[in-house]
Amino acid sequence: MAGRMCSGAVAFGCAMAVVACGGGDSSSPTSPSSTAAITITITDAGVSPSQVSITLGSAVQFVNNSSVTREMRSGPHPVHTDCPPINNIGLLAPGQTGQTGPLTLEGVCSFHDNITNAAAAWVGVILVGTSDSTAAAPAY
C-alpha cells in the first residue's frame, strides 16, 4: 500500500509539472525572470551602462568582466546607506556575477565600486520606478 501511495504521489507530481509547464508545448513563449532583467557590466574602463531604469521590486545583475576584483556598493561613498539592496552584491572576482536585492522603493539609487573609492568611471545610478534622474534616493 505504501508503494502505491508513493507511486500515486509521484504520478500526481509529474502531472502537476506538465500542467505548470503548459503541457509540454515547446512553442509556448516563456517569460523572462523579473528578478534580474537588467545587467550592468563592469570592465577595466568602468561600468556600462552607468544609468539603468527598472520597475519597483526588480533587481539588477552586475557582471565583473574586469581583470580585478570589484566591490559594488550603494551610495553615498563611504557610508553606503541610500539603497541597501545594492550592498548584496559585495565583492566580485573577475568573471563573477552578483545581483542586488529587490529594489522596492521609488527613487534614484546610486552605486559605485568601493575599491576604487567611487572613481567616476565605476559610478552609476539605478532609476527605480521613475524616469527622473534628479529624484531623491529612496528612504529605506
N, C-alpha and C. Protein backbone atom coordinates (compact mmCIF):
# COMPACT_ATOMS: atom_id res chain seq x y z
N MET A 1 0.82 -1.19 0.00
CA MET A 1 0.00 0.00 0.00
C MET A 1 0.86 1.26 0.00
N ALA A 2 1.92 1.22 0.82
CA ALA A 2 2.80 2.39 0.86
C ALA A 2 3.41 2.64 -0.50
N GLY A 3 3.78 1.57 -1.21
CA GLY A 3 4.35 1.73 -2.54
C GLY A 3 3.38 2.37 -3.50
N ARG A 4 2.10 1.97 -3.43
CA ARG A 4 1.08 2.56 -4.29
C ARG A 4 0.89 4.04 -3.99
N MET A 5 0.90 4.40 -2.71
CA MET A 5 0.72 5.80 -2.35
C MET A 5 1.87 6.64 -2.88
N CYS A 6 3.08 6.09 -2.78
CA CYS A 6 4.24 6.81 -3.27
C CYS A 6 4.15 6.97 -4.78
N SER A 7 3.78 5.88 -5.48
CA SER A 7 3.66 5.94 -6.93
C SER A 7 2.60 6.94 -7.33
N GLY A 8 1.49 6.96 -6.60
CA GLY A 8 0.42 7.91 -6.89
C GLY A 8 0.90 9.33 -6.68
N ALA A 9 1.66 9.56 -5.62
CA ALA A 9 2.16 10.90 -5.34
C ALA A 9 3.12 11.34 -6.42
N VAL A 10 3.98 10.41 -6.88
CA VAL A 10 4.92 10.74 -7.94
C VAL A 10 4.17 11.05 -9.23
N ALA A 11 3.16 10.24 -9.56
CA ALA A 11 2.38 10.47 -10.78
C ALA A 11 1.67 11.82 -10.70
N PHE A 12 1.10 12.13 -9.54
CA PHE A 12 0.41 13.41 -9.36
C PHE A 12 1.40 14.55 -9.53
N GLY A 13 2.59 14.41 -8.93
CA GLY A 13 3.61 15.46 -9.05
C GLY A 13 4.02 15.66 -10.50
N CYS A 14 4.17 14.57 -11.24
CA CYS A 14 4.55 14.67 -12.65
C CYS A 14 3.44 15.34 -13.45
N ALA A 15 2.18 14.96 -13.15
CA ALA A 15 1.05 15.57 -13.85
C ALA A 15 1.00 17.06 -13.58
N MET A 16 1.25 17.46 -12.34
CA MET A 16 1.24 18.87 -11.99
C MET A 16 2.37 19.62 -12.70
N ALA A 17 3.50 18.97 -12.83
CA ALA A 17 4.64 19.61 -13.50
C ALA A 17 4.32 19.84 -14.97
N VAL A 18 3.65 18.88 -15.62
CA VAL A 18 3.28 19.03 -17.01
C VAL A 18 2.28 20.18 -17.16
N VAL A 19 1.30 20.24 -16.26
CA VAL A 19 0.30 21.31 -16.31
C VAL A 19 0.98 22.66 -16.10
N ALA A 20 1.89 22.74 -15.11
CA ALA A 20 2.57 24.00 -14.81
C ALA A 20 3.45 24.45 -15.96
N CYS A 21 3.96 23.52 -16.73
CA CYS A 21 4.85 23.87 -17.84
C CYS A 21 4.09 24.05 -19.15
N GLY A 22 2.77 24.09 -19.09
CA GLY A 22 2.00 24.32 -20.30
C GLY A 22 1.79 23.06 -21.11
N GLY A 23 1.81 21.90 -20.48
CA GLY A 23 1.53 20.66 -21.18
C GLY A 23 2.65 20.19 -22.08
N GLY A 24 3.81 20.77 -21.96
CA GLY A 24 4.94 20.30 -22.73
C GLY A 24 5.00 20.90 -24.13
N ASP A 25 4.17 21.89 -24.45
CA ASP A 25 4.18 22.53 -25.75
C ASP A 25 5.40 23.45 -25.85
N SER A 26 6.40 23.04 -26.60
CA SER A 26 7.65 23.80 -26.66
C SER A 26 7.51 25.10 -27.45
N SER A 27 6.37 25.30 -28.15
CA SER A 27 6.20 26.53 -28.89
C SER A 27 5.66 27.67 -28.03
N SER A 28 5.29 27.38 -26.78
CA SER A 28 4.78 28.41 -25.88
C SER A 28 5.91 29.34 -25.47
N PRO A 29 5.68 30.66 -25.55
CA PRO A 29 6.73 31.60 -25.12
C PRO A 29 6.90 31.55 -23.61
N THR A 30 8.08 31.82 -23.16
CA THR A 30 8.34 31.86 -21.73
C THR A 30 8.65 33.29 -21.33
N SER A 31 8.28 33.64 -20.14
CA SER A 31 8.54 34.98 -19.64
C SER A 31 9.91 35.03 -19.02
N PRO A 32 10.67 36.10 -19.27
CA PRO A 32 11.98 36.22 -18.62
C PRO A 32 11.79 36.46 -17.13
N SER A 33 12.75 36.08 -16.34
CA SER A 33 12.70 36.29 -14.91
C SER A 33 12.75 37.78 -14.63
N SER A 34 11.87 38.25 -13.74
CA SER A 34 11.87 39.67 -13.42
C SER A 34 12.87 40.02 -12.33
N THR A 35 13.58 39.02 -11.81
CA THR A 35 14.47 39.31 -10.70
C THR A 35 15.75 40.02 -11.14
N ALA A 36 16.20 39.82 -12.35
CA ALA A 36 17.41 40.49 -12.79
C ALA A 36 17.39 40.69 -14.30
N ALA A 37 16.40 41.43 -14.79
CA ALA A 37 16.27 41.64 -16.23
C ALA A 37 17.31 42.62 -16.76
N ILE A 38 17.88 43.45 -15.90
CA ILE A 38 18.86 44.46 -16.31
C ILE A 38 20.24 44.01 -15.85
N THR A 39 21.23 44.13 -16.74
CA THR A 39 22.60 43.77 -16.39
C THR A 39 23.51 44.97 -16.60
N ILE A 40 24.36 45.20 -15.62
CA ILE A 40 25.41 46.22 -15.71
C ILE A 40 26.74 45.48 -15.77
N THR A 41 27.56 45.81 -16.75
CA THR A 41 28.84 45.15 -16.93
C THR A 41 29.95 46.04 -16.36
N ILE A 42 30.84 45.42 -15.62
CA ILE A 42 31.99 46.12 -15.04
C ILE A 42 33.21 45.71 -15.86
N THR A 43 33.94 46.70 -16.38
CA THR A 43 35.15 46.42 -17.14
C THR A 43 36.31 47.20 -16.53
N ASP A 44 37.48 47.04 -17.11
CA ASP A 44 38.63 47.82 -16.64
C ASP A 44 38.46 49.31 -16.93
N ALA A 45 37.55 49.65 -17.85
CA ALA A 45 37.32 51.05 -18.19
C ALA A 45 36.19 51.68 -17.37
N GLY A 46 35.37 50.87 -16.69
CA GLY A 46 34.27 51.41 -15.90
C GLY A 46 33.03 50.53 -15.98
N VAL A 47 31.87 51.11 -15.64
CA VAL A 47 30.61 50.37 -15.68
C VAL A 47 29.82 50.77 -16.92
N SER A 48 29.07 49.81 -17.46
CA SER A 48 28.26 50.09 -18.64
C SER A 48 27.00 49.24 -18.60
N PRO A 49 25.85 49.86 -18.74
CA PRO A 49 25.61 51.29 -18.76
C PRO A 49 25.76 51.87 -17.35
N SER A 50 25.92 53.17 -17.29
CA SER A 50 26.08 53.81 -15.98
C SER A 50 24.74 54.30 -15.43
N GLN A 51 23.69 54.20 -16.23
CA GLN A 51 22.34 54.52 -15.76
C GLN A 51 21.37 53.52 -16.34
N VAL A 52 20.54 52.91 -15.48
CA VAL A 52 19.50 51.99 -15.92
C VAL A 52 18.19 52.35 -15.23
N SER A 53 17.09 51.94 -15.83
CA SER A 53 15.76 52.13 -15.25
C SER A 53 15.13 50.77 -15.01
N ILE A 54 14.52 50.60 -13.84
CA ILE A 54 13.85 49.35 -13.52
C ILE A 54 12.49 49.66 -12.89
N THR A 55 11.64 48.66 -12.85
CA THR A 55 10.36 48.79 -12.18
C THR A 55 10.53 48.46 -10.70
N LEU A 56 9.62 48.95 -9.89
CA LEU A 56 9.66 48.67 -8.45
C LEU A 56 9.68 47.17 -8.22
N GLY A 57 10.52 46.73 -7.30
CA GLY A 57 10.61 45.32 -6.94
C GLY A 57 11.59 44.52 -7.76
N SER A 58 12.16 45.11 -8.79
CA SER A 58 13.14 44.40 -9.64
C SER A 58 14.52 44.44 -9.00
N ALA A 59 15.40 43.62 -9.55
CA ALA A 59 16.79 43.57 -9.12
C ALA A 59 17.67 43.85 -10.33
N VAL A 60 18.93 44.15 -10.09
CA VAL A 60 19.89 44.42 -11.16
C VAL A 60 21.07 43.48 -10.99
N GLN A 61 21.50 42.91 -12.09
CA GLN A 61 22.64 41.99 -12.09
C GLN A 61 23.90 42.76 -12.50
N PHE A 62 25.01 42.47 -11.84
CA PHE A 62 26.31 43.05 -12.17
C PHE A 62 27.24 41.93 -12.58
N VAL A 63 27.93 42.09 -13.70
CA VAL A 63 28.88 41.11 -14.21
C VAL A 63 30.25 41.75 -14.22
N ASN A 64 31.22 41.13 -13.53
CA ASN A 64 32.57 41.67 -13.48
C ASN A 64 33.41 41.10 -14.61
N ASN A 65 33.52 41.86 -15.68
CA ASN A 65 34.39 41.48 -16.81
C ASN A 65 35.72 42.21 -16.75
N SER A 66 36.04 42.78 -15.60
CA SER A 66 37.33 43.46 -15.46
C SER A 66 38.39 42.44 -15.03
N SER A 67 39.61 42.89 -14.97
CA SER A 67 40.72 41.99 -14.63
C SER A 67 41.01 41.96 -13.13
N VAL A 68 40.26 42.74 -12.34
CA VAL A 68 40.48 42.79 -10.90
C VAL A 68 39.17 42.64 -10.14
N THR A 69 39.26 42.34 -8.88
CA THR A 69 38.08 42.24 -8.02
C THR A 69 37.47 43.63 -7.85
N ARG A 70 36.15 43.67 -7.86
CA ARG A 70 35.40 44.91 -7.65
C ARG A 70 34.47 44.71 -6.45
N GLU A 71 34.08 45.80 -5.82
CA GLU A 71 33.16 45.74 -4.68
C GLU A 71 32.05 46.76 -4.90
N MET A 72 30.92 46.29 -5.41
CA MET A 72 29.82 47.19 -5.74
C MET A 72 28.99 47.47 -4.49
N ARG A 73 28.81 48.77 -4.22
CA ARG A 73 28.09 49.23 -3.03
C ARG A 73 27.13 50.36 -3.40
N SER A 74 26.16 50.57 -2.54
CA SER A 74 25.23 51.69 -2.67
C SER A 74 25.94 52.99 -2.35
N GLY A 75 25.42 54.09 -2.89
CA GLY A 75 25.91 55.40 -2.49
C GLY A 75 25.27 55.79 -1.18
N PRO A 76 25.66 56.86 -0.60
CA PRO A 76 26.85 57.61 -0.97
C PRO A 76 28.10 56.96 -0.39
N HIS A 77 29.22 57.18 -1.03
CA HIS A 77 30.50 56.69 -0.53
C HIS A 77 30.93 57.61 0.61
N PRO A 78 31.38 57.15 1.71
CA PRO A 78 31.72 55.78 2.07
C PRO A 78 30.69 55.07 2.95
N VAL A 79 29.48 55.65 3.14
CA VAL A 79 28.55 55.06 4.11
C VAL A 79 27.62 54.00 3.54
N HIS A 80 27.32 54.05 2.24
CA HIS A 80 26.56 53.01 1.53
C HIS A 80 25.16 52.80 2.08
N THR A 81 24.44 53.87 2.41
CA THR A 81 23.15 53.75 3.08
C THR A 81 21.92 54.04 2.23
N ASP A 82 22.07 54.61 1.04
CA ASP A 82 20.90 55.01 0.26
C ASP A 82 20.02 53.83 -0.17
N CYS A 83 20.61 52.81 -0.71
CA CYS A 83 19.86 51.66 -1.24
C CYS A 83 20.52 50.36 -0.79
N PRO A 84 20.26 49.94 0.44
CA PRO A 84 20.90 48.74 0.98
C PRO A 84 20.81 47.48 0.10
N PRO A 85 19.75 47.27 -0.71
CA PRO A 85 19.74 46.07 -1.55
C PRO A 85 20.92 45.98 -2.52
N ILE A 86 21.52 47.12 -2.86
CA ILE A 86 22.70 47.10 -3.74
C ILE A 86 23.88 46.46 -3.02
N ASN A 87 23.95 46.63 -1.72
CA ASN A 87 25.07 46.10 -0.95
C ASN A 87 25.11 44.57 -0.95
N ASN A 88 24.03 43.92 -1.40
CA ASN A 88 24.02 42.45 -1.51
C ASN A 88 25.07 41.94 -2.49
N ILE A 89 25.48 42.78 -3.42
CA ILE A 89 26.44 42.35 -4.45
C ILE A 89 27.80 42.06 -3.83
N GLY A 90 28.33 43.00 -3.08
CA GLY A 90 29.61 42.80 -2.40
C GLY A 90 30.77 42.61 -3.36
N LEU A 91 31.71 41.77 -2.97
CA LEU A 91 32.91 41.53 -3.77
C LEU A 91 32.62 40.64 -4.96
N LEU A 92 33.14 41.03 -6.12
CA LEU A 92 33.02 40.23 -7.33
C LEU A 92 34.41 40.04 -7.92
N ALA A 93 34.89 38.81 -7.90
CA ALA A 93 36.16 38.49 -8.55
C ALA A 93 35.96 38.56 -10.06
N PRO A 94 37.05 38.68 -10.83
CA PRO A 94 36.91 38.67 -12.28
C PRO A 94 36.09 37.47 -12.75
N GLY A 95 35.11 37.73 -13.60
CA GLY A 95 34.25 36.67 -14.13
C GLY A 95 33.02 36.37 -13.28
N GLN A 96 32.94 36.91 -12.09
CA GLN A 96 31.78 36.63 -11.24
C GLN A 96 30.62 37.56 -11.54
N THR A 97 29.44 37.08 -11.16
CA THR A 97 28.19 37.83 -11.31
C THR A 97 27.55 37.96 -9.95
N GLY A 98 26.96 39.12 -9.68
CA GLY A 98 26.23 39.33 -8.44
C GLY A 98 24.94 40.07 -8.73
N GLN A 99 24.02 40.01 -7.79
CA GLN A 99 22.72 40.63 -8.00
C GLN A 99 22.30 41.42 -6.78
N THR A 100 21.66 42.57 -7.02
CA THR A 100 21.11 43.34 -5.92
C THR A 100 19.94 42.57 -5.32
N GLY A 101 19.53 42.97 -4.14
CA GLY A 101 18.25 42.51 -3.64
C GLY A 101 17.18 43.27 -4.40
N PRO A 102 15.90 42.93 -4.17
CA PRO A 102 14.83 43.67 -4.83
C PRO A 102 14.84 45.14 -4.40
N LEU A 103 14.76 46.03 -5.36
CA LEU A 103 14.72 47.47 -5.09
C LEU A 103 13.24 47.86 -5.05
N THR A 104 12.72 48.05 -3.86
CA THR A 104 11.28 48.15 -3.65
C THR A 104 10.76 49.56 -3.41
N LEU A 105 11.63 50.54 -3.34
CA LEU A 105 11.20 51.92 -3.10
C LEU A 105 11.59 52.80 -4.28
N GLU A 106 10.68 53.69 -4.67
CA GLU A 106 10.91 54.57 -5.81
C GLU A 106 11.97 55.62 -5.50
N GLY A 107 12.83 55.87 -6.47
CA GLY A 107 13.84 56.90 -6.34
C GLY A 107 15.09 56.56 -7.13
N VAL A 108 16.14 57.33 -6.91
CA VAL A 108 17.40 57.15 -7.61
C VAL A 108 18.40 56.49 -6.66
N CYS A 109 18.86 55.31 -7.04
CA CYS A 109 19.84 54.57 -6.24
C CYS A 109 21.20 54.68 -6.92
N SER A 110 22.14 55.33 -6.26
CA SER A 110 23.48 55.39 -6.81
C SER A 110 24.26 54.15 -6.38
N PHE A 111 25.25 53.78 -7.20
CA PHE A 111 26.13 52.66 -6.87
C PHE A 111 27.54 53.02 -7.30
N HIS A 112 28.51 52.30 -6.74
CA HIS A 112 29.91 52.55 -7.09
C HIS A 112 30.76 51.35 -6.72
N ASP A 113 31.97 51.32 -7.29
CA ASP A 113 32.97 50.33 -6.90
C ASP A 113 33.69 50.90 -5.69
N ASN A 114 33.52 50.27 -4.56
CA ASN A 114 34.10 50.77 -3.31
C ASN A 114 35.63 50.66 -3.30
N ILE A 115 36.17 49.73 -4.04
CA ILE A 115 37.63 49.54 -4.06
C ILE A 115 38.33 50.72 -4.74
N THR A 116 37.66 51.33 -5.72
CA THR A 116 38.26 52.50 -6.39
C THR A 116 37.88 53.79 -5.69
N ASN A 117 37.28 53.68 -4.48
CA ASN A 117 36.82 54.86 -3.74
C ASN A 117 35.87 55.71 -4.57
N ALA A 118 34.99 55.02 -5.31
CA ALA A 118 33.95 55.67 -6.11
C ALA A 118 34.52 56.54 -7.23
N ALA A 119 35.60 56.08 -7.86
CA ALA A 119 36.14 56.81 -9.02
C ALA A 119 35.06 56.90 -10.09
N ALA A 120 35.00 58.02 -10.79
CA ALA A 120 33.91 58.36 -11.69
C ALA A 120 33.54 57.25 -12.68
N ALA A 121 34.50 56.54 -13.22
CA ALA A 121 34.20 55.52 -14.23
C ALA A 121 33.40 54.35 -13.67
N TRP A 122 33.47 54.12 -12.37
CA TRP A 122 32.79 52.98 -11.74
C TRP A 122 31.63 53.44 -10.85
N VAL A 123 30.99 54.53 -11.24
CA VAL A 123 29.83 55.08 -10.53
C VAL A 123 28.64 55.08 -11.48
N GLY A 124 27.45 54.81 -10.94
CA GLY A 124 26.25 54.87 -11.77
C GLY A 124 25.01 55.03 -10.94
N VAL A 125 23.86 55.03 -11.62
CA VAL A 125 22.58 55.15 -10.93
C VAL A 125 21.57 54.16 -11.50
N ILE A 126 20.69 53.73 -10.60
CA ILE A 126 19.56 52.89 -10.96
C ILE A 126 18.31 53.70 -10.68
N LEU A 127 17.54 53.98 -11.72
CA LEU A 127 16.28 54.71 -11.56
C LEU A 127 15.20 53.67 -11.25
N VAL A 128 14.70 53.70 -10.03
CA VAL A 128 13.74 52.70 -9.58
C VAL A 128 12.34 53.29 -9.63
N GLY A 129 11.52 52.83 -10.58
CA GLY A 129 10.15 53.28 -10.69
C GLY A 129 10.00 54.74 -11.06
N THR A 130 11.02 55.34 -11.63
CA THR A 130 10.98 56.75 -12.04
C THR A 130 11.86 56.94 -13.27
N SER A 131 11.55 57.98 -14.03
CA SER A 131 12.43 58.35 -15.15
C SER A 131 13.16 59.64 -14.85
N ASP A 132 12.96 60.17 -13.65
CA ASP A 132 13.57 61.43 -13.22
C ASP A 132 14.91 61.17 -12.57
N SER A 133 15.99 61.44 -13.28
CA SER A 133 17.33 61.17 -12.74
C SER A 133 17.71 62.14 -11.63
N THR A 134 16.88 63.15 -11.36
CA THR A 134 17.16 64.07 -10.26
C THR A 134 16.32 63.75 -9.03
N ALA A 135 15.53 62.68 -9.10
CA ALA A 135 14.71 62.30 -7.95
C ALA A 135 15.59 61.95 -6.75
N ALA A 136 15.03 62.05 -5.59
CA ALA A 136 15.77 61.74 -4.37
C ALA A 136 15.99 60.25 -4.23
N ALA A 137 16.96 59.90 -3.41
CA ALA A 137 17.19 58.49 -3.08
C ALA A 137 16.01 58.01 -2.24
N PRO A 138 15.67 56.73 -2.36
CA PRO A 138 14.58 56.20 -1.54
C PRO A 138 14.94 56.22 -0.07
N ALA A 139 13.96 56.20 0.79
CA ALA A 139 14.19 56.20 2.23
C ALA A 139 14.01 54.79 2.78
N TYR A 140 15.02 53.96 2.59
CA TYR A 140 14.98 52.58 3.11
C TYR A 140 15.08 52.60 4.61
